[in-house]
Amino acid sequence: VRPYVLVDDVEAAVEAVRAAGAQIALPPTE
């Protein structure tokens, strides 16, 4: 069960979670 949260800028959000230690399983995909 995976919630997707709305963000204004997905690229910036990915970088923020990566900096917090997250593993990016799937990069931004349109």
All heavy atoms as atom14 arrays in JSON, in Angstrom:
{
  "sequence": "VRPYVLVDDVEAAVEAVRAAGAQIALPPTE",
  "atom14_mask": [
    [1, 1, 1, 1, 1, 1, 1, 0, 0, 0, 0, 0, 0, 0],
    [1, 1, 1, 1, 1, 1, 1, 1, 1, 1, 1, 0, 0, 0],
    [1, 1, 1, 1, 1, 1, 1, 0, 0, 0, 0, 0, 0, 0],
    [1, 1, 1, 1, 1, 1, 1, 1, 1, 1, 1, 1, 0, 0],
    [1, 1, 1, 1, 1, 1, 1, 0, 0, 0, 0, 0, 0, 0],
    [1, 1, 1, 1, 1, 1, 1, 1, 0, 0, 0, 0, 0, 0],
    [1, 1, 1, 1, 1, 1, 1, 0, 0, 0, 0, 0, 0, 0],
    [1, 1, 1, 1, 1, 1, 1, 1, 0, 0, 0, 0, 0, 0],
    [1, 1, 1, 1, 1, 1, 1, 1, 0, 0, 0, 0, 0, 0],
    [1, 1, 1, 1, 1, 1, 1, 0, 0, 0, 0, 0, 0, 0],
    [1, 1, 1, 1, 1, 1, 1, 1, 1, 0, 0, 0, 0, 0],
    [1, 1, 1, 1, 1, 0, 0, 0, 0, 0, 0, 0, 0, 0],
    [1, 1, 1, 1, 1, 0, 0, 0, 0, 0, 0, 0, 0, 0],
    [1, 1, 1, 1, 1, 1, 1, 0, 0, 0, 0, 0, 0, 0],
    [1, 1, 1, 1, 1, 1, 1, 1, 1, 0, 0, 0, 0, 0],
    [1, 1, 1, 1, 1, 0, 0, 0, 0, 0, 0, 0, 0, 0],
    [1, 1, 1, 1, 1, 1, 1, 0, 0, 0, 0, 0, 0, 0],
    [1, 1, 1, 1, 1, 1, 1, 1, 1, 1, 1, 0, 0, 0],
    [1, 1, 1, 1, 1, 0, 0, 0, 0, 0, 0, 0, 0, 0],
    [1, 1, 1, 1, 1, 0, 0, 0, 0, 0, 0, 0, 0, 0],
    [1, 1, 1, 1, 0, 0, 0, 0, 0, 0, 0, 0, 0, 0],
    [1, 1, 1, 1, 1, 0, 0, 0, 0, 0, 0, 0, 0, 0],
    [1, 1, 1, 1, 1, 1, 1, 1, 1, 0, 0, 0, 0, 0],
    [1, 1, 1, 1, 1, 1, 1, 1, 0, 0, 0, 0, 0, 0],
    [1, 1, 1, 1, 1, 0, 0, 0, 0, 0, 0, 0, 0, 0],
    [1, 1, 1, 1, 1, 1, 1, 1, 0, 0, 0, 0, 0, 0],
    [1, 1, 1, 1, 1, 1, 1, 0, 0, 0, 0, 0, 0, 0],
    [1, 1, 1, 1, 1, 1, 1, 0, 0, 0, 0, 0, 0, 0],
    [1, 1, 1, 1, 1, 1, 1, 0, 0, 0, 0, 0, 0, 0],
    [1, 1, 1, 1, 1, 1, 1, 1, 1, 0, 0, 0, 0, 0]
  ],
  "atom14_positions": [
    [[0.89, -1.16, 0.0], [0.0, 0.0, 0.0], [0.93, 1.2, 0.0], [1.72, 1.38, 0.93], [-0.93, 0.03, 1.23], [-1.76, 1.3, 1.25], [-1.82, -1.2, 1.24], [0.0, 0.0, 0.0], [0.0, 0.0, 0.0], [0.0, 0.0, 0.0], [0.0, 0.0, 0.0], [0.0, 0.0, 0.0], [0.0, 0.0, 0.0], [0.0, 0.0, 0.0]],
    [[0.89, 2.0, -1.08], [1.86, 3.08, -1.27], [1.12, 4.41, -1.48], [0.47, 4.6, -2.51], [2.72, 2.76, -2.48], [3.8, 3.78, -2.79], [4.5, 3.46, -4.12], [5.12, 2.15, -4.14], [4.83, 1.2, -5.05], [3.96, 1.41, -6.0], [5.44, 0.04, -5.0], [0.0, 0.0, 0.0], [0.0, 0.0, 0.0], [0.0, 0.0, 0.0]],
    [[1.23, 5.34, -0.53], [0.61, 6.66, -0.73], [1.53, 7.56, -1.55], [2.74, 7.58, -1.34], [0.46, 7.2, 0.69], [1.55, 6.53, 1.46], [1.77, 5.18, 0.82], [0.0, 0.0, 0.0], [0.0, 0.0, 0.0], [0.0, 0.0, 0.0], [0.0, 0.0, 0.0], [0.0, 0.0, 0.0], [0.0, 0.0, 0.0], [0.0, 0.0, 0.0]],
    [[0.95, 8.29, -2.49], [1.67, 9.3, -3.28], [1.18, 10.66, -2.82], [-0.01, 10.96, -2.9], [1.38, 9.13, -4.77], [1.96, 7.9, -5.39], [1.37, 6.66, -5.23], [3.13, 7.97, -6.16], [1.9, 5.52, -5.81], [3.67, 6.84, -6.75], [3.04, 5.61, -6.57], [3.58, 4.5, -7.15], [0.0, 0.0, 0.0], [0.0, 0.0, 0.0]],
    [[2.09, 11.5, -2.35], [1.76, 12.82, -1.84], [2.02, 13.85, -2.93], [3.04, 13.8, -3.62], [2.62, 13.12, -0.59], [2.34, 14.51, -0.06], [2.38, 12.07, 0.48], [0.0, 0.0, 0.0], [0.0, 0.0, 0.0], [0.0, 0.0, 0.0], [0.0, 0.0, 0.0], [0.0, 0.0, 0.0], [0.0, 0.0, 0.0], [0.0, 0.0, 0.0]],
    [[1.08, 14.8, -3.07], [1.27, 15.88, -4.03], [2.44, 16.76, -3.64], [2.62, 17.08, -2.46], [0.02, 16.77, -4.09], [-1.12, 16.31, -4.98], [-2.28, 17.28, -4.88], [-0.68, 16.13, -6.42], [0.0, 0.0, 0.0], [0.0, 0.0, 0.0], [0.0, 0.0, 0.0], [0.0, 0.0, 0.0], [0.0, 0.0, 0.0], [0.0, 0.0, 0.0]],
    [[3.24, 17.13, -4.62], [4.35, 18.07, -4.43], [4.32, 19.08, -5.57], [3.8, 18.8, -6.65], [5.72, 17.35, -4.39], [5.83, 16.44, -3.17], [6.0, 16.57, -5.65], [0.0, 0.0, 0.0], [0.0, 0.0, 0.0], [0.0, 0.0, 0.0], [0.0, 0.0, 0.0], [0.0, 0.0, 0.0], [0.0, 0.0, 0.0], [0.0, 0.0, 0.0]],
    [[4.88, 20.25, -5.31], [4.95, 21.28, -6.35], [6.03, 20.98, -7.37], [5.91, 21.34, -8.53], [5.21, 22.66, -5.72], [4.03, 23.15, -4.91], [2.88, 22.85, -5.28], [4.26, 23.83, -3.9], [0.0, 0.0, 0.0], [0.0, 0.0, 0.0], [0.0, 0.0, 0.0], [0.0, 0.0, 0.0], [0.0, 0.0, 0.0], [0.0, 0.0, 0.0]],
    [[7.12, 20.35, -6.94], [8.28, 20.09, -7.8], [8.84, 18.7, -7.45], [9.53, 18.54, -6.44], [9.33, 21.18, -7.57], [10.56, 21.03, -8.44], [10.84, 19.92, -8.96], [11.28, 22.04, -8.6], [0.0, 0.0, 0.0], [0.0, 0.0, 0.0], [0.0, 0.0, 0.0], [0.0, 0.0, 0.0], [0.0, 0.0, 0.0], [0.0, 0.0, 0.0]],
    [[8.52, 17.72, -8.27], [8.92, 16.34, -7.95], [10.44, 16.18, -7.97], [10.99, 15.44, -7.16], [8.2, 15.32, -8.88], [8.73, 15.36, -10.29], [8.28, 13.92, -8.3], [0.0, 0.0, 0.0], [0.0, 0.0, 0.0], [0.0, 0.0, 0.0], [0.0, 0.0, 0.0], [0.0, 0.0, 0.0], [0.0, 0.0, 0.0], [0.0, 0.0, 0.0]],
    [[11.14, 16.87, -8.87], [12.6, 16.77, -8.92], [13.21, 17.27, -7.61], [14.09, 16.61, -7.03], [13.16, 17.58, -10.09], [12.73, 17.1, -11.45], [13.49, 15.89, -11.96], [14.55, 15.57, -11.39], [13.03, 15.28, -12.93], [0.0, 0.0, 0.0], [0.0, 0.0, 0.0], [0.0, 0.0, 0.0], [0.0, 0.0, 0.0], [0.0, 0.0, 0.0]],
    [[12.75, 18.42, -7.12], [13.27, 18.97, -5.86], [12.9, 18.07, -4.69], [13.72, 17.86, -3.77], [12.72, 20.38, -5.63], [0.0, 0.0, 0.0], [0.0, 0.0, 0.0], [0.0, 0.0, 0.0], [0.0, 0.0, 0.0], [0.0, 0.0, 0.0], [0.0, 0.0, 0.0], [0.0, 0.0, 0.0], [0.0, 0.0, 0.0], [0.0, 0.0, 0.0]],
    [[11.69, 17.5, -4.69], [11.27, 16.62, -3.61], [12.12, 15.35, -3.59], [12.5, 14.87, -2.51], [9.79, 16.27, -3.76], [0.0, 0.0, 0.0], [0.0, 0.0, 0.0], [0.0, 0.0, 0.0], [0.0, 0.0, 0.0], [0.0, 0.0, 0.0], [0.0, 0.0, 0.0], [0.0, 0.0, 0.0], [0.0, 0.0, 0.0], [0.0, 0.0, 0.0]],
    [[12.45, 14.81, -4.76], [13.31, 13.62, -4.83], [14.68, 13.93, -4.24], [15.23, 13.14, -3.47], [13.41, 13.09, -6.28], [14.58, 12.13, -6.44], [12.11, 12.43, -6.69], [0.0, 0.0, 0.0], [0.0, 0.0, 0.0], [0.0, 0.0, 0.0], [0.0, 0.0, 0.0], [0.0, 0.0, 0.0], [0.0, 0.0, 0.0], [0.0, 0.0, 0.0]],
    [[15.23, 15.08, -4.58], [16.54, 15.44, -4.04], [16.48, 15.62, -2.52], [17.4, 15.24, -1.81], [17.09, 16.68, -4.73], [17.5, 16.43, -6.17], [18.37, 15.18, -6.34], [19.37, 15.01, -5.61], [18.05, 14.35, -7.22], [0.0, 0.0, 0.0], [0.0, 0.0, 0.0], [0.0, 0.0, 0.0], [0.0, 0.0, 0.0], [0.0, 0.0, 0.0]],
    [[15.37, 16.19, -2.02], [15.22, 16.38, -0.58], [15.15, 15.05, 0.16], [15.81, 14.88, 1.2], [13.97, 17.21, -0.29], [0.0, 0.0, 0.0], [0.0, 0.0, 0.0], [0.0, 0.0, 0.0], [0.0, 0.0, 0.0], [0.0, 0.0, 0.0], [0.0, 0.0, 0.0], [0.0, 0.0, 0.0], [0.0, 0.0, 0.0], [0.0, 0.0, 0.0]],
    [[14.38, 14.09, -0.37], [14.29, 12.8, 0.33], [15.58, 12.0, 0.18], [15.97, 11.28, 1.1], [13.05, 11.97, -0.11], [11.77, 12.72, 0.21], [13.1, 11.55, -1.56], [0.0, 0.0, 0.0], [0.0, 0.0, 0.0], [0.0, 0.0, 0.0], [0.0, 0.0, 0.0], [0.0, 0.0, 0.0], [0.0, 0.0, 0.0], [0.0, 0.0, 0.0]],
    [[16.27, 12.17, -0.95], [17.57, 11.51, -1.12], [18.56, 12.05, -0.07], [19.28, 11.28, 0.56], [18.12, 11.74, -2.53], [19.41, 10.99, -2.81], [20.1, 11.37, -4.11], [19.26, 11.64, -5.24], [18.89, 10.76, -6.18], [19.3, 9.51, -6.07], [18.14, 11.13, -7.19], [0.0, 0.0, 0.0], [0.0, 0.0, 0.0], [0.0, 0.0, 0.0]],
    [[18.55, 13.36, 0.13], [19.43, 13.98, 1.13], [19.09, 13.52, 2.54], [19.96, 13.5, 3.41], [19.34, 15.51, 1.03], [0.0, 0.0, 0.0], [0.0, 0.0, 0.0], [0.0, 0.0, 0.0], [0.0, 0.0, 0.0], [0.0, 0.0, 0.0], [0.0, 0.0, 0.0], [0.0, 0.0, 0.0], [0.0, 0.0, 0.0], [0.0, 0.0, 0.0]],
    [[17.84, 13.13, 2.75], [17.42, 12.63, 4.07], [17.72, 11.15, 4.24], [17.41, 10.57, 5.28], [15.92, 12.88, 4.25], [0.0, 0.0, 0.0], [0.0, 0.0, 0.0], [0.0, 0.0, 0.0], [0.0, 0.0, 0.0], [0.0, 0.0, 0.0], [0.0, 0.0, 0.0], [0.0, 0.0, 0.0], [0.0, 0.0, 0.0], [0.0, 0.0, 0.0]],
    [[18.32, 10.52, 3.23], [18.73, 9.13, 3.35], [17.86, 8.13, 2.6], [18.07, 6.92, 2.71], [0.0, 0.0, 0.0], [0.0, 0.0, 0.0], [0.0, 0.0, 0.0], [0.0, 0.0, 0.0], [0.0, 0.0, 0.0], [0.0, 0.0, 0.0], [0.0, 0.0, 0.0], [0.0, 0.0, 0.0], [0.0, 0.0, 0.0], [0.0, 0.0, 0.0]],
    [[16.89, 8.61, 1.82], [16.01, 7.7, 1.08], [16.73, 7.09, -0.12], [17.62, 7.7, -0.71], [14.77, 8.45, 0.6], [0.0, 0.0, 0.0], [0.0, 0.0, 0.0], [0.0, 0.0, 0.0], [0.0, 0.0, 0.0], [0.0, 0.0, 0.0], [0.0, 0.0, 0.0], [0.0, 0.0, 0.0], [0.0, 0.0, 0.0], [0.0, 0.0, 0.0]],
    [[16.31, 5.88, -0.44], [16.75, 5.21, -1.67], [15.7, 5.52, -2.73], [14.49, 5.33, -2.49], [16.83, 3.7, -1.44], [17.06, 2.91, -2.7], [16.83, 1.42, -2.49], [16.58, 0.94, -1.39], [16.89, 0.67, -3.57], [0.0, 0.0, 0.0], [0.0, 0.0, 0.0], [0.0, 0.0, 0.0], [0.0, 0.0, 0.0], [0.0, 0.0, 0.0]],
    [[16.11, 6.0, -3.88], [15.16, 6.3, -4.96], [14.91, 5.01, -5.73], [15.8, 4.48, -6.39], [15.69, 7.42, -5.89], [16.09, 8.65, -5.07], [14.66, 7.75, -6.96], [15.01, 9.2, -4.16], [0.0, 0.0, 0.0], [0.0, 0.0, 0.0], [0.0, 0.0, 0.0], [0.0, 0.0, 0.0], [0.0, 0.0, 0.0], [0.0, 0.0, 0.0]],
    [[13.71, 4.49, -5.6], [13.35, 3.23, -6.26], [12.95, 3.47, -7.72], [13.2, 2.63, -8.58], [12.2, 2.56, -5.52], [0.0, 0.0, 0.0], [0.0, 0.0, 0.0], [0.0, 0.0, 0.0], [0.0, 0.0, 0.0], [0.0, 0.0, 0.0], [0.0, 0.0, 0.0], [0.0, 0.0, 0.0], [0.0, 0.0, 0.0], [0.0, 0.0, 0.0]],
    [[12.32, 4.61, -7.98], [11.92, 4.97, -9.34], [12.05, 6.48, -9.46], [11.38, 7.22, -8.75], [10.48, 4.53, -9.63], [10.0, 4.72, -11.06], [10.76, 3.8, -12.02], [8.52, 4.44, -11.16], [0.0, 0.0, 0.0], [0.0, 0.0, 0.0], [0.0, 0.0, 0.0], [0.0, 0.0, 0.0], [0.0, 0.0, 0.0], [0.0, 0.0, 0.0]],
    [[12.94, 6.96, -10.33], [13.11, 8.4, -10.48], [11.87, 9.03, -11.1], [10.98, 8.32, -11.58], [14.32, 8.52, -11.41], [14.33, 7.25, -12.18], [13.77, 6.19, -11.26], [0.0, 0.0, 0.0], [0.0, 0.0, 0.0], [0.0, 0.0, 0.0], [0.0, 0.0, 0.0], [0.0, 0.0, 0.0], [0.0, 0.0, 0.0], [0.0, 0.0, 0.0]],
    [[11.79, 10.36, -11.11], [10.62, 11.01, -11.69], [10.3, 10.47, -13.08], [11.16, 10.39, -13.95], [11.03, 12.48, -11.73], [11.96, 12.62, -10.56], [12.74, 11.32, -10.55], [0.0, 0.0, 0.0], [0.0, 0.0, 0.0], [0.0, 0.0, 0.0], [0.0, 0.0, 0.0], [0.0, 0.0, 0.0], [0.0, 0.0, 0.0], [0.0, 0.0, 0.0]],
    [[9.05, 10.05, -13.23], [8.57, 9.44, -14.46], [7.24, 10.06, -14.83], [6.33, 10.11, -13.99], [8.4, 7.91, -14.26], [9.65, 7.36, -13.81], [7.94, 7.22, -15.52], [0.0, 0.0, 0.0], [0.0, 0.0, 0.0], [0.0, 0.0, 0.0], [0.0, 0.0, 0.0], [0.0, 0.0, 0.0], [0.0, 0.0, 0.0], [0.0, 0.0, 0.0]],
    [[7.12, 10.51, -16.06], [5.87, 11.14, -16.49], [4.91, 10.09, -17.04], [5.32, 9.16, -17.75], [6.14, 12.18, -17.57], [4.88, 12.92, -17.99], [5.12, 14.02, -19.01], [6.29, 14.28, -19.34], [4.14, 14.61, -19.47], [0.0, 0.0, 0.0], [0.0, 0.0, 0.0], [0.0, 0.0, 0.0], [0.0, 0.0, 0.0], [0.0, 0.0, 0.0]]
  ]
}
